[in-house]
Amino acid sequence: IVKVRRPGIERIVDADLRILRRLARIAERR
């Protein structure tokens, strides 16, 4: 079986992780 990573997924993951961290910091404070 050949498993291949989706094109561009690394950029999408990095961007959404950054947003998720900001939301988490806000939520923790509020």
Full PDB file with SEQRES, HELIX, SHEET, SSBOND, CRYST1, ORIGX, SCALE, CONECT and MASTER records, all heavy atoms in Angstrom:
SEQRES   1 A   30  ILE VAL LYS VAL ARG ARG PRO GLY ILE GLU ARG ILE VAL          
SEQRES   2 A   30  ASP ALA ASP LEU ARG ILE LEU ARG ARG LEU ALA ARG ILE          
SEQRES   3 A   30  ALA GLU ARG ARG                                              
HELIX    1 AA1 ILE A    9  ARG A   29  1                                  21    
CRYST1    1.000    1.000    1.000  90.00  90.00  90.00 P 1           1          
ORIGX1      1.000000  0.000000  0.000000        0.00000                         
ORIGX2      0.000000  1.000000  0.000000        0.00000                         
ORIGX3      0.000000  0.000000  1.000000        0.00000                         
SCALE1      1.000000  0.000000  0.000000        0.00000                         
SCALE2      0.000000  1.000000  0.000000        0.00000                         
SCALE3      0.000000  0.000000  1.000000        0.00000                         
ATOM      1  N   ILE A   1       0.862  -1.178   0.000  1.00  0.00           N  
ATOM      2  CA  ILE A   1       0.000   0.000   0.000  1.00  0.00           C  
ATOM      3  C   ILE A   1       0.900   1.230   0.000  1.00  0.00           C  
ATOM      4  O   ILE A   1       1.983   1.222   0.610  1.00  0.00           O  
ATOM      5  CB  ILE A   1      -0.984   0.031   1.192  1.00  0.00           C  
ATOM      6  CG1 ILE A   1      -0.245   0.096   2.524  1.00  0.00           C  
ATOM      7  CG2 ILE A   1      -1.921  -1.144   1.156  1.00  0.00           C  
ATOM      8  CD1 ILE A   1      -1.168   0.342   3.702  1.00  0.00           C  
ATOM      9  N   VAL A   2       0.462   2.247  -0.684  1.00  0.00           N  
ATOM     10  CA  VAL A   2       1.225   3.486  -0.808  1.00  0.00           C  
ATOM     11  C   VAL A   2       0.441   4.581  -0.113  1.00  0.00           C  
ATOM     12  O   VAL A   2      -0.686   4.902  -0.503  1.00  0.00           O  
ATOM     13  CB  VAL A   2       1.457   3.854  -2.296  1.00  0.00           C  
ATOM     14  CG1 VAL A   2       2.248   5.158  -2.394  1.00  0.00           C  
ATOM     15  CG2 VAL A   2       2.172   2.720  -3.021  1.00  0.00           C  
ATOM     16  N   LYS A   3       1.025   5.126   0.946  1.00  0.00           N  
ATOM     17  CA  LYS A   3       0.379   6.217   1.677  1.00  0.00           C  
ATOM     18  C   LYS A   3       1.056   7.515   1.274  1.00  0.00           C  
ATOM     19  O   LYS A   3       2.294   7.635   1.342  1.00  0.00           O  
ATOM     20  CB  LYS A   3       0.495   5.993   3.186  1.00  0.00           C  
ATOM     21  CG  LYS A   3      -0.248   7.038   4.013  1.00  0.00           C  
ATOM     22  CD  LYS A   3      -0.155   6.756   5.513  1.00  0.00           C  
ATOM     23  CE  LYS A   3      -0.954   5.547   5.903  1.00  0.00           C  
ATOM     24  NZ  LYS A   3      -1.022   5.375   7.382  1.00  0.00           N  
ATOM     25  N   VAL A   4       0.274   8.490   0.831  1.00  0.00           N  
ATOM     26  CA  VAL A   4       0.832   9.758   0.371  1.00  0.00           C  
ATOM     27  C   VAL A   4       0.144  10.913   1.098  1.00  0.00           C  
ATOM     28  O   VAL A   4      -1.066  10.916   1.294  1.00  0.00           O  
ATOM     29  CB  VAL A   4       0.664   9.903  -1.165  1.00  0.00           C  
ATOM     30  CG1 VAL A   4      -0.786   9.750  -1.598  1.00  0.00           C  
ATOM     31  CG2 VAL A   4       1.229  11.236  -1.660  1.00  0.00           C  
ATOM     32  N   ARG A   5       0.952  11.873   1.529  1.00  0.00           N  
ATOM     33  CA  ARG A   5       0.423  13.020   2.258  1.00  0.00           C  
ATOM     34  C   ARG A   5      -0.237  13.993   1.294  1.00  0.00           C  
ATOM     35  O   ARG A   5       0.223  14.169   0.154  1.00  0.00           O  
ATOM     36  CB  ARG A   5       1.576  13.723   2.994  1.00  0.00           C  
ATOM     37  CG  ARG A   5       1.133  14.566   4.165  1.00  0.00           C  
ATOM     38  CD  ARG A   5       2.325  15.020   4.967  1.00  0.00           C  
ATOM     39  NE  ARG A   5       3.127  15.995   4.237  1.00  0.00           N  
ATOM     40  CZ  ARG A   5       4.282  16.486   4.677  1.00  0.00           C  
ATOM     41  NH1 ARG A   5       4.785  16.040   5.812  1.00  0.00           N  
ATOM     42  NH2 ARG A   5       4.951  17.367   3.974  1.00  0.00           N  
ATOM     43  N   ARG A   6      -1.298  14.633   1.732  1.00  0.00           N  
ATOM     44  CA  ARG A   6      -2.020  15.579   0.871  1.00  0.00           C  
ATOM     45  C   ARG A   6      -1.152  16.789   0.537  1.00  0.00           C  
ATOM     46  O   ARG A   6      -0.475  17.330   1.419  1.00  0.00           O  
ATOM     47  CB  ARG A   6      -3.303  16.062   1.557  1.00  0.00           C  
ATOM     48  CG  ARG A   6      -4.392  15.015   1.635  1.00  0.00           C  
ATOM     49  CD  ARG A   6      -5.620  15.558   2.331  1.00  0.00           C  
ATOM     50  NE  ARG A   6      -6.673  14.561   2.356  1.00  0.00           N  
ATOM     51  CZ  ARG A   6      -7.577  14.376   1.413  1.00  0.00           C  
ATOM     52  NH1 ARG A   6      -7.556  15.161   0.327  1.00  0.00           N  
ATOM     53  NH2 ARG A   6      -8.499  13.448   1.514  1.00  0.00           N  
ATOM     54  N   PRO A   7      -1.163  17.237  -0.705  1.00  0.00           N  
ATOM     55  CA  PRO A   7      -0.399  18.436  -1.079  1.00  0.00           C  
ATOM     56  C   PRO A   7      -0.896  19.653  -0.291  1.00  0.00           C  
ATOM     57  O   PRO A   7      -2.099  19.874  -0.147  1.00  0.00           O  
ATOM     58  CB  PRO A   7      -0.693  18.603  -2.573  1.00  0.00           C  
ATOM     59  CG  PRO A   7      -1.169  17.259  -3.033  1.00  0.00           C  
ATOM     60  CD  PRO A   7      -1.855  16.640  -1.865  1.00  0.00           C  
ATOM     61  N   GLY A   8       0.038  20.432   0.251  1.00  0.00           N  
ATOM     62  CA  GLY A   8      -0.319  21.665   0.948  1.00  0.00           C  
ATOM     63  C   GLY A   8      -0.843  21.473   2.355  1.00  0.00           C  
ATOM     64  O   GLY A   8      -1.155  22.466   3.035  1.00  0.00           O  
ATOM     65  N   ILE A   9      -0.937  20.235   2.860  1.00  0.00           N  
ATOM     66  CA  ILE A   9      -1.544  20.006   4.171  1.00  0.00           C  
ATOM     67  C   ILE A   9      -0.701  20.622   5.287  1.00  0.00           C  
ATOM     68  O   ILE A   9      -1.229  21.087   6.297  1.00  0.00           O  
ATOM     69  CB  ILE A   9      -1.767  18.491   4.419  1.00  0.00           C  
ATOM     70  CG1 ILE A   9      -2.574  18.270   5.695  1.00  0.00           C  
ATOM     71  CG2 ILE A   9      -0.441  17.753   4.470  1.00  0.00           C  
ATOM     72  CD1 ILE A   9      -3.966  18.809   5.668  1.00  0.00           C  
ATOM     73  N   GLU A  10       0.635  20.662   5.101  1.00  0.00           N  
ATOM     74  CA  GLU A  10       1.491  21.208   6.147  1.00  0.00           C  
ATOM     75  C   GLU A  10       1.191  22.681   6.386  1.00  0.00           C  
ATOM     76  O   GLU A  10       1.099  23.134   7.543  1.00  0.00           O  
ATOM     77  CB  GLU A  10       2.961  21.015   5.762  1.00  0.00           C  
ATOM     78  CG  GLU A  10       3.905  21.101   6.935  1.00  0.00           C  
ATOM     79  CD  GLU A  10       5.264  20.497   6.617  1.00  0.00           C  
ATOM     80  OE1 GLU A  10       5.560  20.280   5.420  1.00  0.00           O  
ATOM     81  OE2 GLU A  10       6.026  20.247   7.560  1.00  0.00           O  
ATOM     82  N   ARG A  11       0.989  23.421   5.311  1.00  0.00           N  
ATOM     83  CA  ARG A  11       0.676  24.849   5.437  1.00  0.00           C  
ATOM     84  C   ARG A  11      -0.673  25.041   6.124  1.00  0.00           C  
ATOM     85  O   ARG A  11      -0.831  25.913   6.996  1.00  0.00           O  
ATOM     86  CB  ARG A  11       0.675  25.503   4.047  1.00  0.00           C  
ATOM     87  CG  ARG A  11       0.301  26.969   4.042  1.00  0.00           C  
ATOM     88  CD  ARG A  11       0.379  27.531   2.627  1.00  0.00           C  
ATOM     89  NE  ARG A  11      -0.390  26.716   1.683  1.00  0.00           N  
ATOM     90  CZ  ARG A  11      -1.708  26.815   1.538  1.00  0.00           C  
ATOM     91  NH1 ARG A  11      -2.409  27.666   2.271  1.00  0.00           N  
ATOM     92  NH2 ARG A  11      -2.329  26.061   0.646  1.00  0.00           N  
ATOM     93  N   ILE A  12      -1.658  24.234   5.749  1.00  0.00           N  
ATOM     94  CA  ILE A  12      -2.992  24.335   6.347  1.00  0.00           C  
ATOM     95  C   ILE A  12      -2.937  24.025   7.844  1.00  0.00           C  
ATOM     96  O   ILE A  12      -3.525  24.728   8.669  1.00  0.00           O  
ATOM     97  CB  ILE A  12      -3.964  23.376   5.636  1.00  0.00           C  
ATOM     98  CG1 ILE A  12      -4.163  23.811   4.188  1.00  0.00           C  
ATOM     99  CG2 ILE A  12      -5.306  23.301   6.375  1.00  0.00           C  
ATOM    100  CD1 ILE A  12      -4.910  22.791   3.337  1.00  0.00           C  
ATOM    101  N   VAL A  13      -2.208  22.965   8.198  1.00  0.00           N  
ATOM    102  CA  VAL A  13      -2.099  22.563   9.601  1.00  0.00           C  
ATOM    103  C   VAL A  13      -1.407  23.654  10.412  1.00  0.00           C  
ATOM    104  O   VAL A  13      -1.865  24.012  11.509  1.00  0.00           O  
ATOM    105  CB  VAL A  13      -1.347  21.221   9.717  1.00  0.00           C  
ATOM    106  CG1 VAL A  13      -0.915  20.974  11.157  1.00  0.00           C  
ATOM    107  CG2 VAL A  13      -2.224  20.088   9.220  1.00  0.00           C  
ATOM    108  N   ASP A  14      -0.304  24.204   9.911  1.00  0.00           N  
ATOM    109  CA  ASP A  14       0.411  25.253  10.641  1.00  0.00           C  
ATOM    110  C   ASP A  14      -0.479  26.474  10.882  1.00  0.00           C  
ATOM    111  O   ASP A  14      -0.499  27.032  11.985  1.00  0.00           O  
ATOM    112  CB  ASP A  14       1.662  25.680   9.864  1.00  0.00           C  
ATOM    113  CG  ASP A  14       2.771  24.638   9.939  1.00  0.00           C  
ATOM    114  OD1 ASP A  14       2.674  23.740  10.797  1.00  0.00           O  
ATOM    115  OD2 ASP A  14       3.715  24.719   9.129  1.00  0.00           O  
ATOM    116  N   ALA A  15      -1.208  26.885   9.837  1.00  0.00           N  
ATOM    117  CA  ALA A  15      -2.066  28.067   9.960  1.00  0.00           C  
ATOM    118  C   ALA A  15      -3.181  27.833  10.977  1.00  0.00           C  
ATOM    119  O   ALA A  15      -3.433  28.678  11.850  1.00  0.00           O  
ATOM    120  CB  ALA A  15      -2.653  28.426   8.597  1.00  0.00           C  
ATOM    121  N   ASP A  16      -3.854  26.687  10.900  1.00  0.00           N  
ATOM    122  CA  ASP A  16      -4.970  26.432  11.809  1.00  0.00           C  
ATOM    123  C   ASP A  16      -4.497  26.175  13.234  1.00  0.00           C  
ATOM    124  O   ASP A  16      -5.190  26.513  14.201  1.00  0.00           O  
ATOM    125  CB  ASP A  16      -5.817  25.260  11.306  1.00  0.00           C  
ATOM    126  CG  ASP A  16      -6.846  25.709  10.268  1.00  0.00           C  
ATOM    127  OD1 ASP A  16      -6.795  26.892   9.888  1.00  0.00           O  
ATOM    128  OD2 ASP A  16      -7.679  24.897   9.849  1.00  0.00           O  
ATOM    129  N   LEU A  17      -3.304  25.588  13.391  1.00  0.00           N  
ATOM    130  CA  LEU A  17      -2.754  25.413  14.738  1.00  0.00           C  
ATOM    131  C   LEU A  17      -2.474  26.767  15.385  1.00  0.00           C  
ATOM    132  O   LEU A  17      -2.722  26.957  16.581  1.00  0.00           O  
ATOM    133  CB  LEU A  17      -1.458  24.601  14.674  1.00  0.00           C  
ATOM    134  CG  LEU A  17      -1.557  23.102  14.941  1.00  0.00           C  
ATOM    135  CD1 LEU A  17      -0.181  22.460  14.802  1.00  0.00           C  
ATOM    136  CD2 LEU A  17      -2.138  22.805  16.309  1.00  0.00           C  
ATOM    137  N   ARG A  18      -1.962  27.697  14.602  1.00  0.00           N  
ATOM    138  CA  ARG A  18      -1.676  29.034  15.129  1.00  0.00           C  
ATOM    139  C   ARG A  18      -2.966  29.707  15.608  1.00  0.00           C  
ATOM    140  O   ARG A  18      -3.017  30.287  16.692  1.00  0.00           O  
ATOM    141  CB  ARG A  18      -1.003  29.870  14.039  1.00  0.00           C  
ATOM    142  CG  ARG A  18      -0.506  31.220  14.509  1.00  0.00           C  
ATOM    143  CD  ARG A  18       0.444  31.849  13.518  1.00  0.00           C  
ATOM    144  NE  ARG A  18      -0.170  31.988  12.200  1.00  0.00           N  
ATOM    145  CZ  ARG A  18       0.219  31.298  11.127  1.00  0.00           C  
ATOM    146  NH1 ARG A  18       1.193  30.418  11.222  1.00  0.00           N  
ATOM    147  NH2 ARG A  18      -0.349  31.494   9.957  1.00  0.00           N  
ATOM    148  N   ILE A  19      -4.020  29.581  14.820  1.00  0.00           N  
ATOM    149  CA  ILE A  19      -5.305  30.170  15.203  1.00  0.00           C  
ATOM    150  C   ILE A  19      -5.867  29.460  16.435  1.00  0.00           C  
ATOM    151  O   ILE A  19      -6.400  30.092  17.350  1.00  0.00           O  
ATOM    152  CB  ILE A  19      -6.290  30.102  14.025  1.00  0.00           C  
ATOM    153  CG1 ILE A  19      -5.843  31.056  12.915  1.00  0.00           C  
ATOM    154  CG2 ILE A  19      -7.704  30.433  14.474  1.00  0.00           C  
ATOM    155  CD1 ILE A  19      -6.644  30.940  11.644  1.00  0.00           C  
ATOM    156  N   LEU A  20      -5.744  28.149  16.459  1.00  0.00           N  
ATOM    157  CA  LEU A  20      -6.260  27.376  17.584  1.00  0.00           C  
ATOM    158  C   LEU A  20      -5.549  27.763  18.879  1.00  0.00           C  
ATOM    159  O   LEU A  20      -6.180  27.872  19.940  1.00  0.00           O  
ATOM    160  CB  LEU A  20      -6.067  25.884  17.307  1.00  0.00           C  
ATOM    161  CG  LEU A  20      -6.873  24.894  18.140  1.00  0.00           C  
ATOM    162  CD1 LEU A  20      -8.374  25.153  18.024  1.00  0.00           C  
ATOM    163  CD2 LEU A  20      -6.563  23.462  17.712  1.00  0.00           C  
ATOM    164  N   ARG A  21      -4.243  27.984  18.815  1.00  0.00           N  
ATOM    165  CA  ARG A  21      -3.504  28.398  20.010  1.00  0.00           C  
ATOM    166  C   ARG A  21      -4.005  29.753  20.516  1.00  0.00           C  
ATOM    167  O   ARG A  21      -4.151  29.968  21.726  1.00  0.00           O  
ATOM    168  CB  ARG A  21      -2.001  28.484  19.702  1.00  0.00           C  
ATOM    169  CG  ARG A  21      -1.321  27.135  19.511  1.00  0.00           C  
ATOM    170  CD  ARG A  21       0.190  27.306  19.474  1.00  0.00           C  
ATOM    171  NE  ARG A  21       0.843  26.084  19.050  1.00  0.00           N  
ATOM    172  CZ  ARG A  21       1.310  25.854  17.825  1.00  0.00           C  
ATOM    173  NH1 ARG A  21       1.181  26.786  16.886  1.00  0.00           N  
ATOM    174  NH2 ARG A  21       1.887  24.715  17.521  1.00  0.00           N  
ATOM    175  N   ARG A  22      -4.260  30.677  19.594  1.00  0.00           N  
ATOM    176  CA  ARG A  22      -4.748  31.999  20.016  1.00  0.00           C  
ATOM    177  C   ARG A  22      -6.123  31.887  20.656  1.00  0.00           C  
ATOM    178  O   ARG A  22      -6.393  32.494  21.695  1.00  0.00           O  
ATOM    179  CB  ARG A  22      -4.795  32.937  18.814  1.00  0.00           C  
ATOM    180  CG  ARG A  22      -3.424  33.321  18.310  1.00  0.00           C  
ATOM    181  CD  ARG A  22      -3.495  34.539  17.423  1.00  0.00           C  
ATOM    182  NE  ARG A  22      -2.180  34.901  16.921  1.00  0.00           N  
ATOM    183  CZ  ARG A  22      -1.920  35.995  16.229  1.00  0.00           C  
ATOM    184  NH1 ARG A  22      -2.903  36.822  15.957  1.00  0.00           N  
ATOM    185  NH2 ARG A  22      -0.706  36.253  15.818  1.00  0.00           N  
ATOM    186  N   LEU A  23      -6.987  31.109  20.047  1.00  0.00           N  
ATOM    187  CA  LEU A  23      -8.316  30.914  20.624  1.00  0.00           C  
ATOM    188  C   LEU A  23      -8.209  30.285  22.017  1.00  0.00           C  
ATOM    189  O   LEU A  23      -8.953  30.651  22.937  1.00  0.00           O  
ATOM    190  CB  LEU A  23      -9.167  30.032  19.710  1.00  0.00           C  
ATOM    191  CG  LEU A  23      -9.743  30.689  18.461  1.00  0.00           C  
ATOM    192  CD1 LEU A  23     -10.421  29.637  17.580  1.00  0.00           C  
ATOM    193  CD2 LEU A  23     -10.738  31.781  18.827  1.00  0.00           C  
ATOM    194  N   ALA A  24      -7.295  29.332  22.180  1.00  0.00           N  
ATOM    195  CA  ALA A  24      -7.132  28.663  23.475  1.00  0.00           C  
ATOM    196  C   ALA A  24      -6.635  29.641  24.533  1.00  0.00           C  
ATOM    197  O   ALA A  24      -7.101  29.611  25.685  1.00  0.00           O  
ATOM    198  CB  ALA A  24      -6.164  27.494  23.335  1.00  0.00           C  
ATOM    199  N   ARG A  25      -5.689  30.518  24.170  1.00  0.00           N  
ATOM    200  CA  ARG A  25      -5.183  31.490  25.146  1.00  0.00           C  
ATOM    201  C   ARG A  25      -6.284  32.450  25.577  1.00  0.00           C  
ATOM    202  O   ARG A  25      -6.411  32.795  26.754  1.00  0.00           O  
ATOM    203  CB  ARG A  25      -4.004  32.270  24.549  1.00  0.00           C  
ATOM    204  CG  ARG A  25      -2.719  31.467  24.442  1.00  0.00           C  
ATOM    205  CD  ARG A  25      -1.518  32.389  24.288  1.00  0.00           C  
ATOM    206  NE  ARG A  25      -1.586  33.174  23.060  1.00  0.00           N  
ATOM    207  CZ  ARG A  25      -1.065  32.796  21.905  1.00  0.00           C  
ATOM    208  NH1 ARG A  25      -0.453  31.632  21.809  1.00  0.00           N  
ATOM    209  NH2 ARG A  25      -1.147  33.579  20.851  1.00  0.00           N  
ATOM    210  N   ILE A  26      -7.091  32.876  24.605  1.00  0.00           N  
ATOM    211  CA  ILE A  26      -8.205  33.779  24.931  1.00  0.00           C  
ATOM    212  C   ILE A  26      -9.203  33.072  25.840  1.00  0.00           C  
ATOM    213  O   ILE A  26      -9.662  33.621  26.850  1.00  0.00           O  
ATOM    214  CB  ILE A  26      -8.904  34.265  23.642  1.00  0.00           C  
ATOM    215  CG1 ILE A  26      -7.926  35.069  22.785  1.00  0.00           C  
ATOM    216  CG2 ILE A  26     -10.121  35.108  23.981  1.00  0.00           C  
ATOM    217  CD1 ILE A  26      -8.410  35.301  21.370  1.00  0.00           C  
ATOM    218  N   ALA A  27      -9.550  31.841  25.469  1.00  0.00           N  
ATOM    219  CA  ALA A  27     -10.526  31.082  26.256  1.00  0.00           C  
ATOM    220  C   ALA A  27     -10.021  30.852  27.671  1.00  0.00           C  
ATOM    221  O   ALA A  27     -10.786  30.945  28.644  1.00  0.00           O  
ATOM    222  CB  ALA A  27     -10.823  29.753  25.575  1.00  0.00           C  
ATOM    223  N   GLU A  28      -8.730  30.551  27.818  1.00  0.00           N  
ATOM    224  CA  GLU A  28      -8.169  30.304  29.148  1.00  0.00           C  
ATOM    225  C   GLU A  28      -8.271  31.556  30.016  1.00  0.00           C  
ATOM    226  O   GLU A  28      -8.510  31.479  31.218  1.00  0.00           O  
ATOM    227  CB  GLU A  28      -6.715  29.865  29.014  1.00  0.00           C  
ATOM    228  CG  GLU A  28      -6.076  29.486  30.338  1.00  0.00           C  
ATOM    229  CD  GLU A  28      -4.705  28.861  30.164  1.00  0.00           C  
ATOM    230  OE1 GLU A  28      -4.169  28.907  29.030  1.00  0.00           O  
ATOM    231  OE2 GLU A  28      -4.171  28.333  31.152  1.00  0.00           O  
ATOM    232  N   ARG A  29      -8.097  32.727  29.390  1.00  0.00           N  
ATOM    233  CA  ARG A  29      -8.152  33.982  30.131  1.00  0.00           C  
ATOM    234  C   ARG A  29      -9.578  34.382  30.480  1.00  0.00           C  
ATOM    235  O   ARG A  29      -9.835  34.962  31.542  1.00  0.00           O  
ATOM    236  CB  ARG A  29      -7.486  35.078  29.294  1.00  0.00           C  
ATOM    237  CG  ARG A  29      -7.225  36.356  30.053  1.00  0.00           C  
ATOM    238  CD  ARG A  29      -6.339  37.297  29.266  1.00  0.00           C  
ATOM    239  NE  ARG A  29      -6.936  37.718  28.002  1.00  0.00           N  
ATOM    240  CZ  ARG A  29      -6.445  37.412  26.810  1.00  0.00           C  
ATOM    241  NH1 ARG A  29      -5.366  36.668  26.714  1.00  0.00           N  
ATOM    242  NH2 ARG A  29      -7.018  37.853  25.711  1.00  0.00           N  
ATOM    243  N   ARG A  30     -10.526  34.062  29.616  1.00  0.00           N  
ATOM    244  CA  ARG A  30     -11.891  34.559  29.777  1.00  0.00           C  
ATOM    245  C   ARG A  30     -12.858  33.564  30.417  1.00  0.00           C  
ATOM    246  O   ARG A  30     -13.860  33.974  30.994  1.00  0.00           O  
ATOM    247  CB  ARG A  30     -12.460  34.959  28.401  1.00  0.00           C  
ATOM    248  CG  ARG A  30     -11.842  36.213  27.804  1.00  0.00           C  
ATOM    249  CD  ARG A  30     -12.320  36.417  26.371  1.00  0.00           C  
ATOM    250  NE  ARG A  30     -11.942  37.720  25.856  1.00  0.00           N  
ATOM    251  CZ  ARG A  30     -12.753  38.762  25.817  1.00  0.00           C  
ATOM    252  NH1 ARG A  30     -13.979  38.662  26.280  1.00  0.00           N  
ATOM    253  NH2 ARG A  30     -12.335  39.913  25.327  1.00  0.00           N  
TER     254      ARG A  30                                                      
MASTER        0    0    0    1    0    0    0    6  253    1    0    3          
END                                                                             
